[in-house]
Amino acid sequence: MQVKDRTSLDGERERITLVPESLDDLWHLTYLLEPGDLVSGDTTRRIQRDDDKTRDTGGEREHMHVTIDVESVEFHKFANRVRVGGVIEDCSREDQLGFHHTINVEERDELTVEKRWKRDQLDRLDDAVEATDSPDVAIATVEEGEAHVHTVAQYGTEEYASLTGTTGKGEYARGRDELFDELGAVLSRLDVDAIILAGPGFTKQDAHAHVTDEYPELDDLITMVDTSAVGDRGVHEVLKRGAVAEVQQETRIAEEAELIDELTGRMAEGAKVAYGVEEVAEAADFGAVERLLVLDEKLRTERGATGEDAEEGEWDVDVNEIITTVERQGGEVTVFSGEFAPGEQLRNLGGIAALLRYRLQ
């Protein structure tokens, strides 16, 4: 995610101009936006005119810049877009004010969001920006005589190192180990969450054995993938097979799974845990919450349950107040994805839980 501009308006509201750069960024948008936000962007709108040329076509589409008061936000994963619907508050054509309209936000589209930003939303925005700027996955491709290391951002890859050396069995074994030594040294210097080791034949298995023997801290980070080539062509094969997306997803799941395991472990012991909105709200009031766990879909449902739609909400307690209270008292907040198994476990516990500093009872 790219942040192009941030402007403080009145001490509480802030206007931020964003450019989503990946499908992940579009997914983030669905939890950054909520009813009542003002969202501005370029769009097209069908304009009905009373003339002979357009009367039979149902109107012509015109490009325009609009600001809408958000009523709904929908993520269309397979269409690679987010649909933001609401009433037009400002427009380059005054005759369109007050009409309902939907802005389709796709990758590389610029939009401006004006709202009173919540702490967890700013944290999510920071995470999206950081993920774009800082690669968290490396692809190492290796075959006899050469090895390449590429870093992977949310969009695009970049060659980090290219290594060559004498390899082979028998009298050439020392040269082979020297190449693997260089590869291990390069990988150990990278600050990444996962490494994909790829290439043809069995060389990558030998490289894996050597690298993890010399750098055991890398063992848990490495996943092996078969490719027919190394270098740019090998990286293309890895990306085409979706291996990077799988590793990134597994990394997110692992982080959430660790927190869920901690939660369920404490539950089994009857110690320092709260779950369900009423228990968690009480713990927050006492300043006992060390880390708050909340399901993204529940968070979005509750935040959207305002005004005439208030009956859609399930919780009697304002989730925003819980989050604000926890953060004010130095606690941390983790928003879980409902698409993964740890999120499903949290859903079964009511969609909200907390790891506590001390037992309440």
Protein backbone atom coordinates (compact mmCIF):
# COMPACT_ATOMS: atom_id res chain seq x y z
CA MET A 1 0.00 0.00 0.00
CA GLN A 2 1.27 3.45 -0.87
CA VAL A 3 0.35 6.48 1.26
CA LYS A 4 0.63 9.60 -0.89
CA ASP A 5 -0.64 12.24 1.52
CA ARG A 6 -1.82 12.63 5.12
CA THR A 7 -3.60 15.76 6.33
CA SER A 8 -4.94 16.40 9.84
CA LEU A 9 -8.26 18.25 9.64
CA ASP A 10 -9.62 19.11 13.08
CA GLY A 11 -7.58 17.18 15.60
CA GLU A 12 -9.78 14.11 15.30
CA ARG A 13 -10.42 13.57 11.59
CA GLU A 14 -7.63 12.91 9.12
CA ARG A 15 -7.57 12.78 5.33
CA ILE A 16 -5.30 10.07 3.87
CA THR A 17 -4.69 9.45 0.16
CA LEU A 18 -3.98 5.78 -0.61
CA VAL A 19 -2.93 3.71 -3.61
CA PRO A 20 -3.52 -0.07 -3.23
CA GLU A 21 -0.78 -1.96 -5.09
CA SER A 22 -1.84 -5.59 -4.69
CA LEU A 23 -4.77 -7.89 -4.02
CA ASP A 24 -3.66 -7.95 -0.37
CA ASP A 25 -3.97 -4.16 -0.25
CA LEU A 26 -7.51 -4.33 -1.63
CA TRP A 27 -8.37 -6.84 1.10
CA HIS A 28 -6.92 -4.46 3.69
CA LEU A 29 -9.19 -1.69 2.36
CA THR A 30 -12.31 -3.62 3.35
CA TYR A 31 -11.23 -3.24 6.99
CA LEU A 32 -9.95 0.31 6.69
CA LEU A 33 -13.24 1.61 5.29
CA GLU A 34 -16.57 1.70 7.14
CA PRO A 35 -19.98 3.41 6.97
CA GLY A 36 -19.77 7.15 7.53
CA ASP A 37 -16.33 7.58 5.92
CA LEU A 38 -15.94 10.09 3.08
CA VAL A 39 -14.17 8.45 0.14
CA SER A 40 -13.09 10.37 -2.97
CA GLY A 41 -11.88 8.96 -6.26
CA ASP A 42 -12.15 8.97 -10.03
CA THR A 43 -15.01 6.97 -11.46
CA THR A 44 -17.45 6.72 -14.34
CA ARG A 45 -21.18 7.31 -14.06
CA ARG A 46 -23.98 6.82 -16.56
CA ILE A 47 -25.62 10.18 -17.31
CA GLN A 48 -29.11 10.25 -18.80
CA ARG A 49 -29.74 13.00 -21.33
CA ASP A 50 -32.98 13.93 -23.04
CA ASP A 51 -31.81 14.01 -26.63
CA ASP A 52 -32.26 11.74 -29.61
CA LYS A 53 -28.70 10.45 -29.61
CA THR A 54 -28.69 8.93 -26.14
CA ARG A 55 -32.32 8.36 -25.24
CA ASP A 56 -32.31 4.76 -26.55
CA THR A 57 -28.96 3.79 -24.98
CA GLY A 58 -29.90 4.48 -21.37
CA GLY A 59 -27.33 7.25 -21.09
CA GLU A 60 -23.60 7.65 -21.61
CA ARG A 61 -20.82 6.99 -19.12
CA GLU A 62 -18.78 10.01 -18.11
CA HIS A 63 -15.54 10.19 -16.18
CA MET A 64 -15.81 12.29 -13.03
CA HIS A 65 -14.35 12.78 -9.57
CA VAL A 66 -16.75 12.08 -6.71
CA THR A 67 -16.84 12.03 -2.93
CA ILE A 68 -19.29 9.59 -1.41
CA ASP A 69 -20.58 9.10 2.12
CA VAL A 70 -19.85 5.39 2.52
CA GLU A 71 -22.70 2.99 3.21
CA SER A 72 -21.21 -0.34 2.07
CA VAL A 73 -17.83 -1.92 1.28
CA GLU A 74 -17.49 -5.23 -0.56
CA PHE A 75 -14.32 -7.14 -1.47
CA HIS A 76 -14.61 -8.99 -4.79
CA LYS A 77 -11.57 -11.27 -4.63
CA PHE A 78 -11.90 -12.87 -8.06
CA ALA A 79 -12.63 -9.55 -9.78
CA ASN A 80 -9.61 -7.90 -8.08
CA ARG A 81 -11.64 -4.94 -6.84
CA VAL A 82 -13.35 -3.36 -3.85
CA ARG A 83 -16.80 -1.85 -4.36
CA VAL A 84 -17.45 1.20 -2.19
CA GLY A 85 -21.07 2.34 -2.25
CA GLY A 86 -22.78 5.39 -0.85
CA VAL A 87 -24.39 8.78 -1.51
CA ILE A 88 -22.56 11.38 -3.59
CA GLU A 89 -21.59 14.29 -1.30
CA ASP A 90 -19.38 16.16 -3.77
CA CYS A 91 -18.93 15.82 -7.50
CA SER A 92 -17.55 17.57 -10.55
CA ARG A 93 -21.20 17.64 -11.76
CA GLU A 94 -23.53 19.30 -9.27
CA ASP A 95 -26.60 17.65 -10.80
CA GLN A 96 -25.36 14.27 -9.46
CA LEU A 97 -25.29 15.29 -5.79
CA GLY A 98 -27.45 13.12 -3.52
CA PHE A 99 -27.54 10.13 -5.86
CA HIS A 100 -26.25 6.71 -4.86
CA HIS A 101 -23.07 5.58 -6.57
CA THR A 102 -20.45 2.82 -6.33
CA ILE A 103 -16.72 3.40 -6.80
CA ASN A 104 -14.86 0.33 -8.07
CA VAL A 105 -11.36 0.42 -6.58
CA GLU A 106 -8.74 -1.69 -8.32
CA GLU A 107 -4.96 -2.02 -8.00
CA ARG A 108 -3.13 1.28 -8.67
CA ASP A 109 -6.32 3.35 -8.27
CA GLU A 110 -5.91 6.40 -6.04
CA LEU A 111 -8.53 7.19 -3.43
CA THR A 112 -8.76 9.62 -0.54
CA VAL A 113 -10.34 8.63 2.79
CA GLU A 114 -11.53 11.20 5.31
CA LYS A 115 -12.54 9.92 8.72
CA ARG A 116 -11.74 9.65 12.39
CA TRP A 117 -9.20 6.86 12.09
CA LYS A 118 -9.11 4.20 14.78
CA ARG A 119 -5.83 2.93 16.19
CA ASP A 120 -6.18 -0.60 14.82
CA GLN A 121 -7.00 0.77 11.37
CA LEU A 122 -3.83 2.89 11.36
CA ASP A 123 -1.88 -0.16 12.53
CA ARG A 124 -3.32 -2.19 9.64
CA LEU A 125 -2.43 0.62 7.23
CA ASP A 126 1.13 0.71 8.59
CA ASP A 127 1.40 -3.07 8.16
CA ALA A 128 0.22 -2.82 4.54
CA VAL A 129 2.74 -0.07 3.79
CA GLU A 130 5.55 -1.97 5.49
CA ALA A 131 4.71 -5.15 3.58
CA THR A 132 5.05 -3.24 0.33
CA ASP A 133 8.37 -1.63 1.23
CA SER A 134 10.05 -4.54 3.04
CA PRO A 135 10.34 -7.93 1.31
CA ASP A 136 9.47 -10.78 3.65
CA VAL A 137 10.12 -13.73 1.31
CA ALA A 138 13.30 -14.72 -0.54
CA ILE A 139 13.61 -17.12 -3.46
CA ALA A 140 16.93 -18.96 -3.80
CA THR A 141 17.43 -20.94 -7.00
CA VAL A 142 20.41 -23.30 -7.25
CA GLU A 143 21.90 -25.81 -9.65
CA GLU A 144 25.41 -27.18 -10.22
CA GLY A 145 27.72 -24.21 -10.64
CA GLU A 146 25.43 -21.30 -9.82
CA ALA A 147 22.93 -19.91 -7.32
CA HIS A 148 20.71 -16.83 -7.32
CA VAL A 149 18.80 -15.06 -4.57
CA HIS A 150 15.78 -12.84 -5.26
CA THR A 151 13.75 -10.85 -2.77
CA VAL A 152 9.98 -10.71 -3.12
CA ALA A 153 7.81 -7.72 -2.27
CA GLN A 154 4.02 -7.69 -2.50
CA TYR A 155 4.51 -6.85 -6.09
CA GLY A 156 7.64 -7.59 -8.07
CA THR A 157 10.94 -9.39 -7.47
CA GLU A 158 14.50 -8.12 -7.41
CA GLU A 159 17.79 -9.99 -7.73
CA TYR A 160 19.72 -9.70 -4.47
CA ALA A 161 22.76 -11.89 -5.27
CA SER A 162 24.15 -14.03 -8.09
CA LEU A 163 26.77 -16.66 -7.17
CA THR A 164 28.92 -18.96 -9.30
CA GLY A 165 31.48 -21.62 -8.44
CA THR A 166 32.95 -25.00 -9.26
CA THR A 167 30.64 -27.78 -8.18
CA GLY A 168 30.41 -31.52 -8.46
CA LYS A 169 31.34 -34.70 -6.63
CA GLY A 170 34.70 -36.16 -5.65
CA GLU A 171 37.67 -33.83 -6.18
CA TYR A 172 35.26 -30.94 -6.84
CA ALA A 173 33.30 -31.39 -3.62
CA ARG A 174 35.19 -28.61 -1.85
CA GLY A 175 34.25 -26.09 -4.55
CA ARG A 176 30.66 -27.26 -4.30
CA ASP A 177 30.62 -26.62 -0.55
CA GLU A 178 32.11 -23.18 -1.09
CA LEU A 179 29.15 -22.24 -3.29
CA PHE A 180 26.72 -23.53 -0.67
CA ASP A 181 28.67 -21.62 2.02
CA GLU A 182 28.22 -18.40 0.04
CA LEU A 183 24.52 -19.11 -0.44
CA GLY A 184 24.01 -19.75 3.26
CA ALA A 185 25.86 -16.57 4.19
CA VAL A 186 23.69 -14.50 1.84
CA LEU A 187 20.45 -16.02 3.13
CA SER A 188 21.47 -15.50 6.77
CA ARG A 189 21.87 -11.77 6.15
CA LEU A 190 18.34 -11.35 4.83
CA ASP A 191 15.57 -10.20 7.16
CA VAL A 192 12.79 -12.41 5.80
CA ASP A 193 10.02 -14.58 7.20
CA ALA A 194 10.40 -17.39 4.65
CA ILE A 195 12.82 -18.74 2.04
CA ILE A 196 11.84 -20.77 -1.02
CA LEU A 197 14.74 -22.95 -2.21
CA ALA A 198 14.15 -24.03 -5.80
CA GLY A 199 15.92 -25.59 -8.76
CA PRO A 200 16.19 -28.70 -10.95
CA GLY A 201 17.42 -32.12 -9.81
CA PHE A 202 18.86 -32.95 -6.41
CA THR A 203 21.29 -30.04 -6.04
CA LYS A 204 18.80 -28.03 -3.99
CA GLN A 205 18.47 -30.92 -1.49
CA ASP A 206 22.26 -30.98 -1.07
CA ALA A 207 22.31 -27.19 -0.74
CA HIS A 208 19.52 -27.37 1.85
CA ALA A 209 21.41 -29.96 3.91
CA HIS A 210 24.62 -27.92 3.84
CA VAL A 211 23.01 -24.54 4.52
CA THR A 212 20.88 -25.73 7.43
CA ASP A 213 23.86 -27.56 8.93
CA GLU A 214 25.92 -24.36 8.90
CA TYR A 215 22.98 -22.01 9.62
CA PRO A 216 20.44 -24.06 11.63
CA GLU A 217 18.35 -20.94 12.31
CA LEU A 218 17.32 -21.00 8.63
CA ASP A 219 15.89 -24.52 8.72
CA ASP A 220 12.36 -23.54 9.76
CA LEU A 221 12.26 -20.79 7.12
CA ILE A 222 13.04 -22.95 4.07
CA THR A 223 10.50 -24.56 1.74
CA MET A 224 11.73 -26.50 -1.32
CA VAL A 225 10.11 -26.29 -4.77
CA ASP A 226 11.04 -28.10 -7.99
CA THR A 227 11.75 -25.92 -11.03
CA SER A 228 13.34 -26.63 -14.40
CA ALA A 229 15.58 -23.54 -14.32
CA VAL A 230 17.33 -21.09 -12.00
CA GLY A 231 17.67 -17.30 -11.98
CA ASP A 232 14.86 -15.21 -13.45
CA ARG A 233 13.28 -18.19 -15.20
CA GLY A 234 13.29 -20.22 -11.99
CA VAL A 235 11.74 -17.34 -10.06
CA HIS A 236 9.03 -17.06 -12.71
CA GLU A 237 8.20 -20.76 -12.25
CA VAL A 238 8.00 -20.34 -8.47
CA LEU A 239 5.66 -17.36 -8.81
CA LYS A 240 3.53 -19.06 -11.46
CA ARG A 241 2.94 -22.02 -9.17
CA GLY A 242 1.71 -19.75 -6.38
CA ALA A 243 4.41 -20.92 -3.96
CA VAL A 244 5.10 -17.40 -2.64
CA ALA A 245 1.43 -16.73 -1.89
CA GLU A 246 1.19 -20.07 -0.09
CA VAL A 247 4.25 -19.33 2.06
CA GLN A 248 3.03 -15.84 2.93
CA GLN A 249 -0.36 -17.23 3.90
CA GLU A 250 1.25 -19.95 6.01
CA THR A 251 3.35 -17.30 7.78
CA ARG A 252 0.24 -15.28 8.67
CA ILE A 253 -1.55 -18.43 9.80
CA ALA A 254 1.42 -19.47 11.95
CA GLU A 255 1.42 -16.13 13.79
CA GLU A 256 -2.32 -16.34 14.47
CA ALA A 257 -2.10 -20.04 15.36
CA GLU A 258 0.55 -19.31 17.99
CA LEU A 259 -1.77 -16.82 19.70
CA ILE A 260 -4.74 -19.20 19.53
CA ASP A 261 -2.63 -22.01 21.00
CA GLU A 262 -1.63 -19.69 23.84
CA LEU A 263 -5.29 -18.79 24.37
CA THR A 264 -6.60 -22.37 24.39
CA GLY A 265 -3.70 -23.51 26.56
CA ARG A 266 -4.56 -20.92 29.17
CA MET A 267 -8.24 -21.84 28.92
CA ALA A 268 -7.39 -25.47 29.69
CA GLU A 269 -5.50 -24.31 32.76
CA GLY A 270 -8.23 -21.85 33.76
CA ALA A 271 -5.69 -19.04 33.88
CA LYS A 272 -5.37 -15.45 32.65
CA VAL A 273 -7.83 -15.49 29.76
CA ALA A 274 -11.18 -13.98 28.79
CA TYR A 275 -13.44 -14.70 25.83
CA GLY A 276 -16.79 -13.44 24.67
CA VAL A 277 -17.52 -9.75 24.45
CA GLU A 278 -18.83 -9.26 27.99
CA GLU A 279 -15.88 -10.97 29.69
CA VAL A 280 -13.38 -9.16 27.48
CA ALA A 281 -15.03 -5.79 28.07
CA GLU A 282 -14.88 -6.36 31.83
CA ALA A 283 -11.20 -7.35 31.61
CA ALA A 284 -10.47 -4.21 29.59
CA ASP A 285 -12.21 -2.04 32.19
CA PHE A 286 -9.93 -3.55 34.86
CA GLY A 287 -6.81 -2.90 32.75
CA ALA A 288 -6.10 -6.64 32.63
CA VAL A 289 -5.83 -7.18 28.84
CA GLU A 290 -2.31 -7.92 27.63
CA ARG A 291 -3.35 -8.79 24.06
CA LEU A 292 -6.79 -8.48 22.49
CA LEU A 293 -7.78 -10.96 19.76
CA VAL A 294 -10.68 -9.93 17.52
CA LEU A 295 -12.05 -11.45 14.32
CA ASP A 296 -11.97 -9.16 11.28
CA GLU A 297 -15.49 -10.01 10.11
CA LYS A 298 -16.94 -9.43 13.59
CA LEU A 299 -15.12 -6.13 13.85
CA ARG A 300 -16.47 -5.03 10.51
CA THR A 301 -20.04 -6.18 11.29
CA GLU A 302 -20.11 -4.31 14.57
CA ARG A 303 -18.66 -1.13 13.10
CA GLY A 304 -21.22 -1.25 10.32
CA ALA A 305 -24.11 -1.74 12.72
CA THR A 306 -25.03 1.92 13.16
CA GLY A 307 -28.14 4.00 12.64
CA GLU A 308 -30.96 2.16 10.89
CA ASP A 309 -28.81 -0.98 10.60
CA ALA A 310 -28.07 -1.24 14.32
CA GLU A 311 -30.04 -4.46 14.59
CA GLU A 312 -27.39 -6.20 12.48
CA GLY A 313 -24.84 -6.01 15.31
CA GLU A 314 -24.58 -8.88 17.77
CA TRP A 315 -22.60 -7.25 20.60
CA ASP A 316 -24.13 -4.98 23.23
CA VAL A 317 -20.70 -3.46 23.94
CA ASP A 318 -18.97 -1.03 21.58
CA VAL A 319 -15.94 -2.90 20.20
CA ASN A 320 -14.23 0.42 19.43
CA GLU A 321 -14.35 1.33 23.13
CA ILE A 322 -12.77 -2.01 24.05
CA ILE A 323 -9.95 -1.51 21.54
CA THR A 324 -9.35 2.08 22.67
CA THR A 325 -9.31 1.04 26.33
CA VAL A 326 -6.84 -1.80 25.70
CA GLU A 327 -4.47 0.40 23.69
CA ARG A 328 -4.64 3.23 26.22
CA GLN A 329 -3.55 0.77 28.91
CA GLY A 330 -0.59 -0.50 26.89
CA GLY A 331 -2.20 -3.69 25.56
CA GLU A 332 -1.78 -4.98 22.00
CA VAL A 333 -4.51 -5.74 19.46
CA THR A 334 -4.39 -8.50 16.83
CA VAL A 335 -7.09 -8.68 14.15
CA PHE A 336 -7.56 -12.26 12.90
CA SER A 337 -8.56 -13.24 9.37
CA GLY A 338 -11.76 -15.27 9.27
CA GLU A 339 -10.48 -17.15 6.20
CA PHE A 340 -7.94 -19.24 8.13
CA ALA A 341 -8.28 -21.98 10.75
CA PRO A 342 -7.15 -19.84 13.75
CA GLY A 343 -9.83 -17.31 12.83
CA GLU A 344 -12.42 -20.09 12.78
CA GLN A 345 -11.38 -21.09 16.30
CA LEU A 346 -11.75 -17.49 17.45
CA ARG A 347 -15.16 -17.33 15.75
CA ASN A 348 -16.26 -20.32 17.85
CA LEU A 349 -15.33 -18.35 20.96
CA GLY A 350 -17.58 -15.46 19.97
CA GLY A 351 -15.13 -13.61 17.74
CA ILE A 352 -13.29 -11.86 20.54
CA ALA A 353 -10.92 -13.00 23.30
CA ALA A 354 -8.02 -11.73 25.38
CA LEU A 355 -4.79 -12.89 26.94
CA LEU A 356 -4.72 -11.30 30.38
CA ARG A 357 -2.00 -9.90 32.62
CA TYR A 358 -3.67 -11.52 35.64
CA ARG A 359 -6.77 -13.54 36.49
CA LEU A 360 -9.92 -11.60 37.26
CA GLN A 361 -11.44 -14.27 39.50
